[in-house]
Amino acid sequence: MGQGKTSSEIATIRFNSVSTVETLRKNIICKLGLHGKGELLRYAIEKKYDF
């Protein structure tokens, strides 16, 4: 995510389905109290996380 990869690219790398990646992304957004994919990407870049 922090590298700007799409859900399908992440799913391929992690050997998951696209829906699993999207569900995990949604859960991360909720737990961090963010509002959307853009904020999650900004958060990941600022914190230098490599998802």
N, C-alpha and C. Protein backbone atom coordinates (compact mmCIF):
# COMPACT_ATOMS: atom_id res chain seq x y z
N MET A 1 0.82 -1.19 0.00
CA MET A 1 0.00 0.00 0.00
C MET A 1 0.86 1.25 0.00
N GLY A 2 1.88 1.21 0.83
CA GLY A 2 2.77 2.36 0.92
C GLY A 2 3.55 2.59 -0.36
N GLN A 3 3.59 1.59 -1.21
CA GLN A 3 4.28 1.72 -2.49
C GLN A 3 3.32 2.04 -3.62
N GLY A 4 2.04 2.25 -3.30
CA GLY A 4 1.06 2.62 -4.30
C GLY A 4 0.57 1.46 -5.15
N LYS A 5 0.71 0.24 -4.66
CA LYS A 5 0.26 -0.93 -5.43
C LYS A 5 -1.26 -1.07 -5.34
N THR A 6 -1.85 -1.64 -6.38
CA THR A 6 -3.28 -1.87 -6.40
C THR A 6 -3.61 -3.11 -5.58
N SER A 7 -4.89 -3.29 -5.31
CA SER A 7 -5.33 -4.46 -4.54
C SER A 7 -4.96 -5.75 -5.25
N SER A 8 -5.11 -5.78 -6.56
CA SER A 8 -4.78 -7.01 -7.29
C SER A 8 -3.28 -7.29 -7.28
N GLU A 9 -2.45 -6.26 -7.33
CA GLU A 9 -1.00 -6.47 -7.26
C GLU A 9 -0.60 -7.00 -5.88
N ILE A 10 -1.20 -6.45 -4.83
CA ILE A 10 -0.91 -6.91 -3.47
C ILE A 10 -1.39 -8.35 -3.30
N ALA A 11 -2.57 -8.66 -3.82
CA ALA A 11 -3.11 -10.02 -3.71
C ALA A 11 -2.20 -11.03 -4.39
N THR A 12 -1.67 -10.68 -5.53
CA THR A 12 -0.76 -11.58 -6.25
C THR A 12 0.52 -11.82 -5.45
N ILE A 13 1.07 -10.76 -4.91
CA ILE A 13 2.31 -10.86 -4.14
C ILE A 13 2.10 -11.69 -2.87
N ARG A 14 0.97 -11.48 -2.19
CA ARG A 14 0.70 -12.12 -0.90
C ARG A 14 -0.05 -13.45 -1.03
N PHE A 15 -0.37 -13.85 -2.26
CA PHE A 15 -1.10 -15.10 -2.51
C PHE A 15 -2.47 -15.09 -1.82
N ASN A 16 -3.16 -13.96 -1.90
CA ASN A 16 -4.51 -13.79 -1.36
C ASN A 16 -5.44 -13.41 -2.49
N SER A 17 -6.74 -13.42 -2.19
CA SER A 17 -7.70 -12.92 -3.16
C SER A 17 -7.80 -11.40 -3.03
N VAL A 18 -8.29 -10.77 -4.07
CA VAL A 18 -8.46 -9.32 -4.07
C VAL A 18 -9.43 -8.90 -2.97
N SER A 19 -10.49 -9.67 -2.77
CA SER A 19 -11.46 -9.31 -1.73
C SER A 19 -10.84 -9.37 -0.34
N THR A 20 -9.91 -10.30 -0.12
CA THR A 20 -9.21 -10.37 1.18
C THR A 20 -8.39 -9.12 1.40
N VAL A 21 -7.67 -8.69 0.38
CA VAL A 21 -6.84 -7.48 0.49
C VAL A 21 -7.72 -6.27 0.76
N GLU A 22 -8.84 -6.15 0.06
CA GLU A 22 -9.73 -5.01 0.25
C GLU A 22 -10.36 -5.02 1.63
N THR A 23 -10.70 -6.20 2.15
CA THR A 23 -11.25 -6.30 3.50
C THR A 23 -10.21 -5.90 4.54
N LEU A 24 -8.99 -6.39 4.37
CA LEU A 24 -7.92 -6.02 5.30
C LEU A 24 -7.66 -4.53 5.27
N ARG A 25 -7.66 -3.94 4.08
CA ARG A 25 -7.45 -2.50 3.94
C ARG A 25 -8.56 -1.73 4.65
N LYS A 26 -9.81 -2.18 4.47
CA LYS A 26 -10.95 -1.53 5.11
C LYS A 26 -10.82 -1.61 6.63
N ASN A 27 -10.40 -2.77 7.15
CA ASN A 27 -10.24 -2.94 8.59
C ASN A 27 -9.12 -2.06 9.14
N ILE A 28 -8.03 -1.93 8.40
CA ILE A 28 -6.93 -1.06 8.82
C ILE A 28 -7.40 0.39 8.88
N ILE A 29 -8.13 0.82 7.86
CA ILE A 29 -8.65 2.19 7.82
C ILE A 29 -9.54 2.45 9.03
N CYS A 30 -10.41 1.50 9.34
CA CYS A 30 -11.33 1.64 10.47
C CYS A 30 -10.57 1.71 11.80
N LYS A 31 -9.62 0.79 11.99
CA LYS A 31 -8.88 0.73 13.25
C LYS A 31 -8.02 1.96 13.48
N LEU A 32 -7.51 2.56 12.41
CA LEU A 32 -6.68 3.75 12.54
C LEU A 32 -7.51 5.03 12.59
N GLY A 33 -8.81 4.90 12.35
CA GLY A 33 -9.68 6.07 12.37
C GLY A 33 -9.49 6.98 11.17
N LEU A 34 -9.11 6.40 10.05
CA LEU A 34 -8.89 7.18 8.83
C LEU A 34 -10.16 7.19 7.99
N HIS A 35 -10.14 8.01 6.94
CA HIS A 35 -11.31 8.16 6.08
C HIS A 35 -10.95 7.93 4.63
N GLY A 36 -10.70 6.68 4.27
CA GLY A 36 -10.48 6.34 2.88
C GLY A 36 -9.07 5.90 2.56
N LYS A 37 -8.94 5.42 1.31
CA LYS A 37 -7.66 4.89 0.84
C LYS A 37 -6.58 5.96 0.76
N GLY A 38 -6.98 7.17 0.40
CA GLY A 38 -6.00 8.26 0.29
C GLY A 38 -5.34 8.55 1.62
N GLU A 39 -6.13 8.60 2.67
CA GLU A 39 -5.57 8.86 4.00
C GLU A 39 -4.69 7.70 4.45
N LEU A 40 -5.09 6.47 4.11
CA LEU A 40 -4.28 5.30 4.47
C LEU A 40 -2.93 5.36 3.76
N LEU A 41 -2.94 5.71 2.49
CA LEU A 41 -1.69 5.82 1.75
C LEU A 41 -0.81 6.91 2.34
N ARG A 42 -1.40 8.05 2.65
CA ARG A 42 -0.64 9.15 3.26
C ARG A 42 -0.06 8.71 4.61
N TYR A 43 -0.85 8.03 5.41
CA TYR A 43 -0.40 7.52 6.71
C TYR A 43 0.78 6.56 6.54
N ALA A 44 0.65 5.65 5.59
CA ALA A 44 1.71 4.66 5.36
C ALA A 44 3.01 5.33 4.92
N ILE A 45 2.90 6.34 4.06
CA ILE A 45 4.10 7.04 3.58
C ILE A 45 4.74 7.84 4.71
N GLU A 46 3.90 8.53 5.49
CA GLU A 46 4.43 9.34 6.59
C GLU A 46 5.11 8.48 7.65
N LYS A 47 4.54 7.32 7.92
CA LYS A 47 5.10 6.44 8.94
C LYS A 47 6.16 5.51 8.37
N LYS A 48 6.35 5.56 7.07
CA LYS A 48 7.34 4.75 6.37
C LYS A 48 7.09 3.26 6.53
N TYR A 49 5.81 2.88 6.55
CA TYR A 49 5.45 1.47 6.59
C TYR A 49 5.55 0.90 5.20
N ASP A 50 5.95 -0.34 5.10
CA ASP A 50 6.05 -1.03 3.83
C ASP A 50 5.08 -2.20 3.87
N PHE A 51 3.82 -1.95 3.50
CA PHE A 51 2.78 -2.97 3.57
C PHE A 51 2.94 -3.97 2.45
